[in-house]
N, C-alpha and C. Protein backbone atom coordinates (compact mmCIF):
# COMPACT_ATOMS: atom_id res chain seq x y z
N MET A 1 63.09 -3.13 -55.70
CA MET A 1 62.33 -1.93 -55.98
C MET A 1 60.85 -2.13 -55.60
N ILE A 2 60.30 -3.26 -55.85
CA ILE A 2 58.93 -3.54 -55.49
C ILE A 2 58.79 -3.59 -53.97
N THR A 3 59.77 -4.18 -53.32
CA THR A 3 59.70 -4.25 -51.85
C THR A 3 59.79 -2.87 -51.23
N ALA A 4 60.56 -1.98 -51.81
CA ALA A 4 60.66 -0.62 -51.29
C ALA A 4 59.34 0.12 -51.48
N THR A 5 58.67 -0.12 -52.58
CA THR A 5 57.38 0.51 -52.83
C THR A 5 56.33 -0.01 -51.84
N ILE A 6 56.31 -1.33 -51.63
CA ILE A 6 55.37 -1.92 -50.67
C ILE A 6 55.64 -1.37 -49.27
N ARG A 7 56.93 -1.25 -48.93
CA ARG A 7 57.30 -0.70 -47.63
C ARG A 7 56.81 0.73 -47.49
N ASP A 8 56.99 1.56 -48.50
CA ASP A 8 56.56 2.95 -48.45
C ASP A 8 55.02 3.06 -48.33
N ILE A 9 54.31 2.19 -49.06
CA ILE A 9 52.83 2.19 -48.98
C ILE A 9 52.38 1.78 -47.58
N ALA A 10 53.05 0.77 -47.00
CA ALA A 10 52.71 0.32 -45.65
C ALA A 10 52.95 1.42 -44.63
N ILE A 11 54.04 2.15 -44.78
CA ILE A 11 54.35 3.26 -43.86
C ILE A 11 53.29 4.34 -43.99
N ILE A 12 52.87 4.64 -45.20
CA ILE A 12 51.84 5.66 -45.42
C ILE A 12 50.52 5.21 -44.79
N ILE A 13 50.15 3.93 -44.99
CA ILE A 13 48.90 3.42 -44.42
C ILE A 13 48.95 3.47 -42.89
N ILE A 14 50.06 3.07 -42.32
CA ILE A 14 50.19 3.11 -40.85
C ILE A 14 50.14 4.55 -40.35
N ALA A 15 50.73 5.50 -41.05
CA ALA A 15 50.70 6.90 -40.64
C ALA A 15 49.26 7.44 -40.69
N ILE A 16 48.53 7.13 -41.77
CA ILE A 16 47.14 7.58 -41.88
C ILE A 16 46.29 6.95 -40.77
N GLN A 17 46.55 5.66 -40.53
CA GLN A 17 45.82 4.96 -39.48
C GLN A 17 46.12 5.59 -38.10
N SER A 18 47.33 5.95 -37.84
CA SER A 18 47.68 6.58 -36.57
C SER A 18 47.01 7.94 -36.42
N ILE A 19 46.94 8.69 -37.50
CA ILE A 19 46.28 9.99 -37.45
C ILE A 19 44.79 9.82 -37.18
N VAL A 20 44.15 8.85 -37.83
CA VAL A 20 42.71 8.61 -37.63
C VAL A 20 42.47 8.15 -36.18
N ILE A 21 43.29 7.24 -35.69
CA ILE A 21 43.12 6.76 -34.31
C ILE A 21 43.33 7.90 -33.31
N GLY A 22 44.31 8.74 -33.56
CA GLY A 22 44.54 9.89 -32.67
C GLY A 22 43.35 10.84 -32.66
N GLY A 23 42.80 11.10 -33.86
CA GLY A 23 41.62 11.97 -33.95
C GLY A 23 40.42 11.37 -33.24
N LEU A 24 40.19 10.07 -33.42
CA LEU A 24 39.08 9.41 -32.74
C LEU A 24 39.29 9.39 -31.22
N LEU A 25 40.52 9.21 -30.79
CA LEU A 25 40.82 9.24 -29.36
C LEU A 25 40.56 10.63 -28.78
N ALA A 26 40.92 11.67 -29.51
CA ALA A 26 40.65 13.03 -29.06
C ALA A 26 39.14 13.28 -28.99
N LEU A 27 38.41 12.77 -29.99
CA LEU A 27 36.95 12.90 -29.98
C LEU A 27 36.35 12.16 -28.78
N LEU A 28 36.85 10.99 -28.47
CA LEU A 28 36.37 10.22 -27.33
C LEU A 28 36.62 10.97 -26.02
N VAL A 29 37.80 11.54 -25.87
CA VAL A 29 38.11 12.30 -24.66
C VAL A 29 37.18 13.50 -24.54
N TRP A 30 36.92 14.18 -25.62
CA TRP A 30 36.03 15.33 -25.60
C TRP A 30 34.60 14.92 -25.22
N GLN A 31 34.13 13.79 -25.74
CA GLN A 31 32.79 13.30 -25.41
C GLN A 31 32.69 12.91 -23.93
N VAL A 32 33.72 12.27 -23.41
CA VAL A 32 33.73 11.92 -21.98
C VAL A 32 33.71 13.18 -21.13
N TRP A 33 34.46 14.19 -21.52
CA TRP A 33 34.48 15.45 -20.77
C TRP A 33 33.09 16.10 -20.78
N ARG A 34 32.41 16.09 -21.95
CA ARG A 34 31.05 16.63 -22.03
C ARG A 34 30.08 15.84 -21.15
N LEU A 35 30.22 14.52 -21.16
CA LEU A 35 29.37 13.67 -20.32
C LEU A 35 29.56 13.99 -18.84
N VAL A 36 30.79 14.15 -18.42
CA VAL A 36 31.06 14.47 -17.01
C VAL A 36 30.45 15.82 -16.66
N LYS A 37 30.61 16.79 -17.49
CA LYS A 37 30.03 18.12 -17.22
C LYS A 37 28.50 18.06 -17.18
N THR A 38 27.89 17.31 -18.08
CA THR A 38 26.44 17.16 -18.09
C THR A 38 25.96 16.47 -16.83
N LEU A 39 26.64 15.42 -16.43
CA LEU A 39 26.26 14.71 -15.21
C LEU A 39 26.40 15.61 -13.99
N GLN A 40 27.44 16.40 -13.95
CA GLN A 40 27.62 17.31 -12.81
C GLN A 40 26.49 18.32 -12.72
N THR A 41 26.09 18.85 -13.85
CA THR A 41 25.02 19.86 -13.82
C THR A 41 23.66 19.24 -13.54
N GLU A 42 23.45 17.97 -13.91
CA GLU A 42 22.15 17.34 -13.68
C GLU A 42 22.10 16.60 -12.35
N ILE A 43 23.21 16.09 -11.87
CA ILE A 43 23.22 15.32 -10.63
C ILE A 43 23.15 16.22 -9.41
N LYS A 44 23.78 17.37 -9.44
CA LYS A 44 23.78 18.27 -8.28
C LYS A 44 22.36 18.66 -7.86
N PRO A 45 21.47 19.07 -8.78
CA PRO A 45 20.10 19.38 -8.34
C PRO A 45 19.37 18.15 -7.80
N ILE A 46 19.61 16.99 -8.39
CA ILE A 46 18.95 15.77 -7.90
C ILE A 46 19.41 15.46 -6.49
N ILE A 47 20.69 15.60 -6.22
CA ILE A 47 21.21 15.34 -4.87
C ILE A 47 20.64 16.35 -3.88
N GLN A 48 20.55 17.60 -4.28
CA GLN A 48 19.98 18.62 -3.39
C GLN A 48 18.51 18.32 -3.10
N ASP A 49 17.75 17.94 -4.11
CA ASP A 49 16.34 17.59 -3.89
C ASP A 49 16.21 16.38 -2.98
N THR A 50 17.09 15.41 -3.17
CA THR A 50 17.07 14.22 -2.32
C THR A 50 17.37 14.57 -0.87
N GLN A 51 18.35 15.43 -0.65
CA GLN A 51 18.68 15.85 0.71
C GLN A 51 17.51 16.61 1.35
N THR A 52 16.84 17.43 0.57
CA THR A 52 15.67 18.14 1.08
C THR A 52 14.56 17.17 1.45
N THR A 53 14.33 16.19 0.59
CA THR A 53 13.30 15.19 0.86
C THR A 53 13.63 14.38 2.11
N VAL A 54 14.87 14.00 2.25
CA VAL A 54 15.28 13.21 3.43
C VAL A 54 15.09 14.02 4.70
N SER A 55 15.43 15.29 4.68
CA SER A 55 15.24 16.11 5.89
C SER A 55 13.76 16.29 6.19
N THR A 56 12.92 16.40 5.16
CA THR A 56 11.48 16.50 5.37
C THR A 56 10.93 15.22 5.97
N VAL A 57 11.36 14.09 5.45
CA VAL A 57 10.91 12.80 5.98
C VAL A 57 11.37 12.63 7.42
N ARG A 58 12.58 13.03 7.72
CA ARG A 58 13.09 12.93 9.09
C ARG A 58 12.24 13.79 10.03
N GLY A 59 11.91 15.00 9.61
CA GLY A 59 11.07 15.86 10.43
C GLY A 59 9.67 15.30 10.62
N THR A 60 9.11 14.73 9.55
CA THR A 60 7.78 14.13 9.64
C THR A 60 7.78 12.93 10.58
N ALA A 61 8.80 12.10 10.48
CA ALA A 61 8.89 10.93 11.36
C ALA A 61 9.02 11.36 12.82
N THR A 62 9.80 12.38 13.09
CA THR A 62 9.95 12.89 14.46
C THR A 62 8.62 13.44 14.97
N PHE A 63 7.93 14.20 14.13
CA PHE A 63 6.64 14.76 14.52
C PHE A 63 5.63 13.67 14.83
N VAL A 64 5.54 12.67 13.95
CA VAL A 64 4.58 11.58 14.17
C VAL A 64 4.95 10.81 15.42
N SER A 65 6.22 10.58 15.64
CA SER A 65 6.64 9.84 16.83
C SER A 65 6.29 10.62 18.10
N ASP A 66 6.53 11.90 18.09
CA ASP A 66 6.28 12.70 19.30
C ASP A 66 4.80 12.92 19.55
N ASN A 67 4.02 13.12 18.51
CA ASN A 67 2.63 13.54 18.68
C ASN A 67 1.60 12.43 18.49
N VAL A 68 1.99 11.29 17.96
CA VAL A 68 1.02 10.23 17.73
C VAL A 68 1.43 8.95 18.45
N VAL A 69 2.59 8.45 18.15
CA VAL A 69 2.99 7.14 18.65
C VAL A 69 3.20 7.15 20.16
N SER A 70 3.93 8.11 20.67
CA SER A 70 4.22 8.14 22.11
C SER A 70 2.94 8.23 22.94
N PRO A 71 1.99 9.14 22.66
CA PRO A 71 0.76 9.16 23.45
C PRO A 71 -0.06 7.87 23.34
N VAL A 72 -0.09 7.26 22.17
CA VAL A 72 -0.84 6.02 22.01
C VAL A 72 -0.20 4.92 22.85
N VAL A 73 1.10 4.83 22.85
CA VAL A 73 1.80 3.80 23.63
C VAL A 73 1.57 4.04 25.11
N LYS A 74 1.67 5.29 25.56
CA LYS A 74 1.45 5.58 26.98
C LYS A 74 0.01 5.24 27.39
N THR A 75 -0.94 5.64 26.59
CA THR A 75 -2.35 5.36 26.90
C THR A 75 -2.61 3.86 26.90
N SER A 76 -2.10 3.18 25.91
CA SER A 76 -2.30 1.74 25.82
C SER A 76 -1.70 1.02 27.03
N SER A 77 -0.52 1.44 27.45
CA SER A 77 0.11 0.78 28.60
C SER A 77 -0.68 1.05 29.88
N LYS A 78 -1.23 2.26 30.02
CA LYS A 78 -2.04 2.56 31.20
C LYS A 78 -3.33 1.74 31.20
N VAL A 79 -3.97 1.60 30.04
CA VAL A 79 -5.20 0.81 29.95
C VAL A 79 -4.92 -0.65 30.26
N VAL A 80 -3.84 -1.19 29.74
CA VAL A 80 -3.49 -2.58 30.01
C VAL A 80 -3.18 -2.77 31.49
N GLY A 81 -2.47 -1.83 32.09
CA GLY A 81 -2.18 -1.91 33.53
C GLY A 81 -3.44 -1.85 34.35
N LEU A 82 -4.36 -0.95 34.00
CA LEU A 82 -5.62 -0.83 34.73
C LEU A 82 -6.45 -2.11 34.58
N ARG A 83 -6.51 -2.65 33.38
CA ARG A 83 -7.26 -3.89 33.15
C ARG A 83 -6.67 -5.03 33.98
N ARG A 84 -5.37 -5.15 33.99
CA ARG A 84 -4.73 -6.23 34.75
C ARG A 84 -4.97 -6.03 36.25
N THR A 85 -4.93 -4.79 36.70
CA THR A 85 -5.20 -4.51 38.11
C THR A 85 -6.62 -4.91 38.46
N MET A 86 -7.57 -4.55 37.60
CA MET A 86 -8.97 -4.90 37.86
C MET A 86 -9.16 -6.42 37.83
N GLN A 87 -8.50 -7.12 36.93
CA GLN A 87 -8.60 -8.57 36.90
C GLN A 87 -8.04 -9.17 38.18
N SER A 88 -6.96 -8.62 38.67
CA SER A 88 -6.36 -9.14 39.90
C SER A 88 -7.26 -8.88 41.10
N LEU A 89 -7.90 -7.71 41.14
CA LEU A 89 -8.75 -7.37 42.28
C LEU A 89 -10.06 -8.13 42.27
N THR A 90 -10.58 -8.42 41.10
CA THR A 90 -11.88 -9.09 41.02
C THR A 90 -11.77 -10.60 40.87
N ALA A 91 -10.59 -11.13 40.78
CA ALA A 91 -10.42 -12.56 40.59
C ALA A 91 -10.70 -13.30 41.90
N ASP A 92 -11.15 -14.52 41.76
CA ASP A 92 -11.37 -15.38 42.90
C ASP A 92 -10.00 -15.74 43.47
N LEU A 93 -9.86 -15.62 44.78
CA LEU A 93 -8.56 -15.85 45.39
C LEU A 93 -8.24 -17.33 45.52
N ARG A 94 -9.26 -18.19 45.48
CA ARG A 94 -8.99 -19.62 45.54
C ARG A 94 -8.45 -20.10 44.20
N PRO A 95 -7.53 -21.04 44.25
CA PRO A 95 -7.03 -21.55 42.97
C PRO A 95 -8.12 -22.34 42.26
N GLN A 96 -8.22 -22.12 41.02
CA GLN A 96 -9.23 -22.79 40.21
C GLN A 96 -8.73 -24.15 39.78
N ARG A 97 -9.62 -25.16 39.90
CA ARG A 97 -9.27 -26.49 39.43
C ARG A 97 -9.66 -26.59 37.97
N LYS A 98 -8.80 -27.16 37.24
CA LYS A 98 -9.11 -27.35 35.82
C LYS A 98 -10.07 -28.52 35.69
N ALA A 99 -11.03 -28.38 34.88
CA ALA A 99 -12.00 -29.45 34.64
C ALA A 99 -11.33 -30.55 33.84
N VAL A 100 -11.46 -31.75 34.35
CA VAL A 100 -10.87 -32.89 33.65
C VAL A 100 -11.91 -33.40 32.65
N PRO A 101 -11.57 -33.45 31.40
CA PRO A 101 -12.55 -33.91 30.42
C PRO A 101 -12.81 -35.41 30.61
N ARG A 102 -14.07 -35.77 30.54
CA ARG A 102 -14.45 -37.18 30.67
C ARG A 102 -14.24 -37.88 29.35
N THR A 103 -13.67 -39.04 29.47
CA THR A 103 -13.46 -39.81 28.25
C THR A 103 -14.50 -40.90 28.18
N GLN A 104 -15.06 -41.08 27.04
CA GLN A 104 -16.08 -42.10 26.85
C GLN A 104 -15.42 -43.33 26.25
N PRO A 105 -15.82 -44.50 26.73
CA PRO A 105 -15.22 -45.70 26.14
C PRO A 105 -15.60 -45.81 24.67
N ALA A 106 -14.72 -46.41 23.95
CA ALA A 106 -14.97 -46.58 22.53
C ALA A 106 -16.15 -47.50 22.34
N SER A 107 -17.01 -47.17 21.44
CA SER A 107 -18.20 -47.99 21.22
C SER A 107 -17.83 -49.14 20.30
N ASP A 108 -17.53 -50.22 20.93
CA ASP A 108 -17.19 -51.43 20.19
C ASP A 108 -18.38 -52.38 20.30
N SER A 109 -18.85 -52.91 19.22
CA SER A 109 -20.05 -53.75 19.25
C SER A 109 -19.81 -55.05 20.00
N ALA A 110 -18.57 -55.49 20.10
CA ALA A 110 -18.28 -56.74 20.80
C ALA A 110 -18.36 -56.56 22.29
N THR A 111 -18.06 -55.36 22.81
CA THR A 111 -18.08 -55.14 24.26
C THR A 111 -19.34 -54.43 24.69
N ASP A 112 -20.13 -53.95 23.80
CA ASP A 112 -21.35 -53.24 24.16
C ASP A 112 -22.48 -54.25 24.42
N PRO A 113 -22.99 -54.30 25.68
CA PRO A 113 -24.03 -55.28 25.98
C PRO A 113 -25.36 -54.97 25.31
N ARG A 114 -25.61 -53.74 24.92
CA ARG A 114 -26.89 -53.38 24.32
C ARG A 114 -27.05 -53.93 22.92
N THR A 115 -25.97 -54.17 22.25
CA THR A 115 -26.07 -54.65 20.87
C THR A 115 -26.21 -56.16 20.78
N SER A 116 -26.13 -56.90 21.89
CA SER A 116 -26.21 -58.35 21.85
C SER A 116 -27.64 -58.81 21.70
């Protein structure tokens, strides 16, 4: 009789525990659903703003490349070409000899006749 009572109490506890776990699981599913909906409503505007910013940056980079970088590169290359041409035209046509540096003997007091 005692074992039957303990068994009945255990069954009741397990049933209550199952109901509580089921309720908490339903609450968890509902919270996840709310989180997904919140993220969808907040992430979509952020993604749209990011796409707008990226397209603006792409347009700015194209504009700067076309109107600033390309003319500077062309002008710089022409100036360098002109400078090199002028150096070639004004250079001495004879090959230049490199100056050989003179080496001085080491001042050793034993070999220096002035110190004797």
